[in-house]
Amino acid sequence: MSDPIELLENRISEFLEGHLASSGLHFFCQVGGRYDDQGITTLQISGSGWALLSWRLDDETLMYSYQLQTEDLKKIYTMLLQHPFWRAAPKRRSKADGEVNYHLRVSDQKKGTSNGLQFWTSDVDEFPVLGELLTRLSALVQVLSEGEIEGIPR
């Protein structure tokens, strides 16, 4: 049996190379939390091409839904392979003052494989791949929200 991370990377590569369709792939990103001053931002991208983006703070909510083209999905999954957050291994710990919580997960729902990571703001210093990915995800959030969401807090 292969390593679950290897299975996910192979599955994404097979999609990018055109050998398999993207159906079953799923990416999830949640930043912040209910009690964070900057609110909570959630981005989900399904293999069927749907991108759902939301931001919530108290009673204020913004929500966006898009049907992405295959080329857009390929750009997103290429970005994930170039910045493999699933290979970072920050230690589980409690929140320090002023930190933001991040939760990233990628899965292949058809094969039942997934890999997720939860980390805090200061973990980005130890694992630069996380900061690089957050920068790109922040830009994606800004584009999808047409600038209404300032991006991902850091």
Protein backbone atom coordinates (compact mmCIF):
# COMPACT_ATOMS: atom_id res chain seq x y z
CA MET A 1 0.00 0.00 0.00
CA SER A 2 1.32 3.42 -0.90
CA ASP A 3 1.70 6.35 1.43
CA PRO A 4 -1.56 8.43 1.57
CA ILE A 5 0.37 11.61 0.73
CA GLU A 6 1.89 9.91 -2.28
CA LEU A 7 -1.56 8.71 -3.38
CA LEU A 8 -2.93 12.27 -3.22
CA GLU A 9 0.03 13.74 -5.06
CA ASN A 10 -0.26 11.07 -7.76
CA ARG A 11 -4.00 11.67 -8.09
CA ILE A 12 -3.50 15.41 -8.52
CA SER A 13 -0.69 14.80 -11.02
CA GLU A 14 -2.90 12.41 -13.02
CA PHE A 15 -5.55 15.13 -13.27
CA LEU A 16 -2.99 17.76 -14.30
CA GLU A 17 -1.56 15.44 -16.95
CA GLY A 18 -5.04 14.79 -18.35
CA HIS A 19 -5.18 11.09 -17.43
CA LEU A 20 -8.10 11.45 -14.99
CA ALA A 21 -10.95 13.90 -14.52
CA SER A 22 -10.94 16.17 -11.48
CA SER A 23 -14.14 14.74 -10.03
CA GLY A 24 -13.62 13.59 -6.47
CA LEU A 25 -10.82 16.04 -5.70
CA HIS A 26 -11.62 18.57 -3.00
CA PHE A 27 -9.65 21.41 -1.42
CA PHE A 28 -10.70 23.10 1.82
CA CYS A 29 -9.20 26.17 3.49
CA GLN A 30 -10.52 27.80 6.65
CA VAL A 31 -8.83 30.79 8.22
CA GLY A 32 -9.70 32.37 11.53
CA GLY A 33 -12.49 31.46 13.85
CA ARG A 34 -15.70 32.54 15.45
CA TYR A 35 -13.93 34.74 18.00
CA ASP A 36 -11.27 36.26 15.75
CA ASP A 37 -11.45 40.02 15.17
CA GLN A 38 -10.97 39.45 11.43
CA GLY A 39 -13.72 36.86 11.17
CA ILE A 40 -13.60 33.48 9.50
CA THR A 41 -12.86 32.91 5.82
CA THR A 42 -13.66 29.59 4.15
CA LEU A 43 -12.71 28.52 0.63
CA GLN A 44 -13.79 25.18 -0.83
CA ILE A 45 -12.98 23.95 -4.31
CA SER A 46 -14.57 20.75 -5.51
CA GLY A 47 -13.38 18.57 -8.33
CA SER A 48 -16.64 19.26 -10.13
CA GLY A 49 -15.39 22.82 -10.51
CA TRP A 50 -17.43 24.60 -7.86
CA ALA A 51 -15.63 27.19 -5.76
CA LEU A 52 -17.39 28.40 -2.64
CA LEU A 53 -15.98 31.33 -0.71
CA SER A 54 -17.42 32.83 2.45
CA TRP A 55 -16.46 35.30 5.12
CA ARG A 56 -18.30 35.85 8.38
CA LEU A 57 -17.85 38.19 11.32
CA ASP A 58 -20.64 38.37 13.89
CA ASP A 59 -23.83 38.98 11.86
CA GLU A 60 -22.06 40.15 8.71
CA THR A 61 -21.62 37.56 5.95
CA LEU A 62 -20.23 37.56 2.42
CA MET A 63 -20.67 34.53 0.17
CA TYR A 64 -19.59 33.73 -3.37
CA SER A 65 -20.09 30.72 -5.61
CA TYR A 66 -18.40 30.11 -8.95
CA GLN A 67 -18.26 27.36 -11.52
CA LEU A 68 -14.58 27.22 -12.47
CA GLN A 69 -13.26 26.09 -15.82
CA THR A 70 -10.96 23.07 -16.03
CA GLU A 71 -8.00 25.35 -16.73
CA ASP A 72 -8.69 27.27 -13.51
CA LEU A 73 -8.83 24.01 -11.56
CA LYS A 74 -5.51 22.99 -13.09
CA LYS A 75 -3.93 26.27 -11.97
CA ILE A 76 -5.21 25.76 -8.42
CA TYR A 77 -4.04 22.14 -8.17
CA THR A 78 -0.69 23.07 -9.75
CA MET A 79 -0.34 25.71 -7.04
CA LEU A 80 -1.04 23.06 -4.39
CA LEU A 81 1.58 20.68 -5.81
CA GLN A 82 4.10 23.52 -5.93
CA HIS A 83 3.33 24.38 -2.29
CA PRO A 84 2.63 21.00 -0.66
CA PHE A 85 1.29 22.09 2.73
CA TRP A 86 0.66 18.44 3.57
CA ARG A 87 4.40 17.89 3.92
CA ALA A 88 4.76 20.50 6.70
CA ALA A 89 4.55 19.17 10.24
CA PRO A 90 3.99 21.94 12.79
CA LYS A 91 3.54 20.79 16.38
CA ARG A 92 0.02 20.74 17.79
CA ARG A 93 -0.31 23.49 20.37
CA SER A 94 -2.62 26.11 21.76
CA LYS A 95 -3.07 29.56 20.28
CA ALA A 96 -0.63 32.27 21.31
CA ASP A 97 -1.80 35.88 21.66
CA GLY A 98 -2.81 37.45 18.37
CA GLU A 99 -2.40 34.32 16.27
CA VAL A 100 -4.74 33.23 13.50
CA ASN A 101 -5.72 29.59 13.01
CA TYR A 102 -5.43 27.95 9.59
CA HIS A 103 -6.91 24.66 8.49
CA LEU A 104 -6.06 23.22 5.06
CA ARG A 105 -7.20 19.91 3.64
CA VAL A 106 -7.00 18.20 0.27
CA SER A 107 -8.80 14.97 -0.49
CA ASP A 108 -9.75 12.51 -3.17
CA GLN A 109 -13.28 11.61 -2.21
CA LYS A 110 -13.48 8.83 -4.80
CA LYS A 111 -10.55 6.95 -3.29
CA GLY A 112 -11.21 8.00 0.29
CA THR A 113 -7.82 9.61 0.84
CA SER A 114 -7.19 12.97 2.44
CA ASN A 115 -4.56 14.95 4.21
CA GLY A 116 -5.17 17.95 6.41
CA LEU A 117 -3.13 20.36 8.45
CA GLN A 118 -4.00 22.80 11.20
CA PHE A 119 -1.46 25.46 12.17
CA TRP A 120 -1.03 28.93 13.64
CA THR A 121 0.43 32.19 12.35
CA SER A 122 3.90 31.71 13.87
CA ASP A 123 4.23 28.22 12.31
CA VAL A 124 4.65 29.97 8.97
CA ASP A 125 8.12 31.11 10.06
CA GLU A 126 9.23 27.52 10.53
CA PHE A 127 7.55 26.21 7.37
CA PRO A 128 7.93 28.78 4.54
CA VAL A 129 5.85 26.63 2.17
CA LEU A 130 2.83 27.54 4.31
CA GLY A 131 3.46 31.27 3.97
CA GLU A 132 4.00 30.99 0.23
CA LEU A 133 0.74 29.08 -0.17
CA LEU A 134 -1.16 31.53 2.04
CA THR A 135 0.07 34.42 -0.10
CA ARG A 136 -1.32 32.76 -3.22
CA LEU A 137 -4.58 31.72 -1.54
CA SER A 138 -5.01 35.28 -0.28
CA ALA A 139 -4.73 36.58 -3.85
CA LEU A 140 -7.28 33.97 -4.99
CA VAL A 141 -9.70 35.06 -2.25
CA GLN A 142 -9.34 38.68 -3.35
CA VAL A 143 -10.02 37.78 -6.98
CA LEU A 144 -13.03 35.58 -6.21
CA SER A 145 -14.55 38.23 -3.94
CA GLU A 146 -13.73 41.02 -6.40
CA GLY A 147 -11.81 42.76 -3.63
CA GLU A 148 -14.62 42.66 -1.06
CA ILE A 149 -12.59 40.27 1.10
CA GLU A 150 -9.11 41.71 1.66
CA GLY A 151 -7.54 38.28 1.53
CA ILE A 152 -6.37 35.87 4.18
CA PRO A 153 -5.17 37.43 7.44
CA ARG A 154 -1.64 36.62 8.60
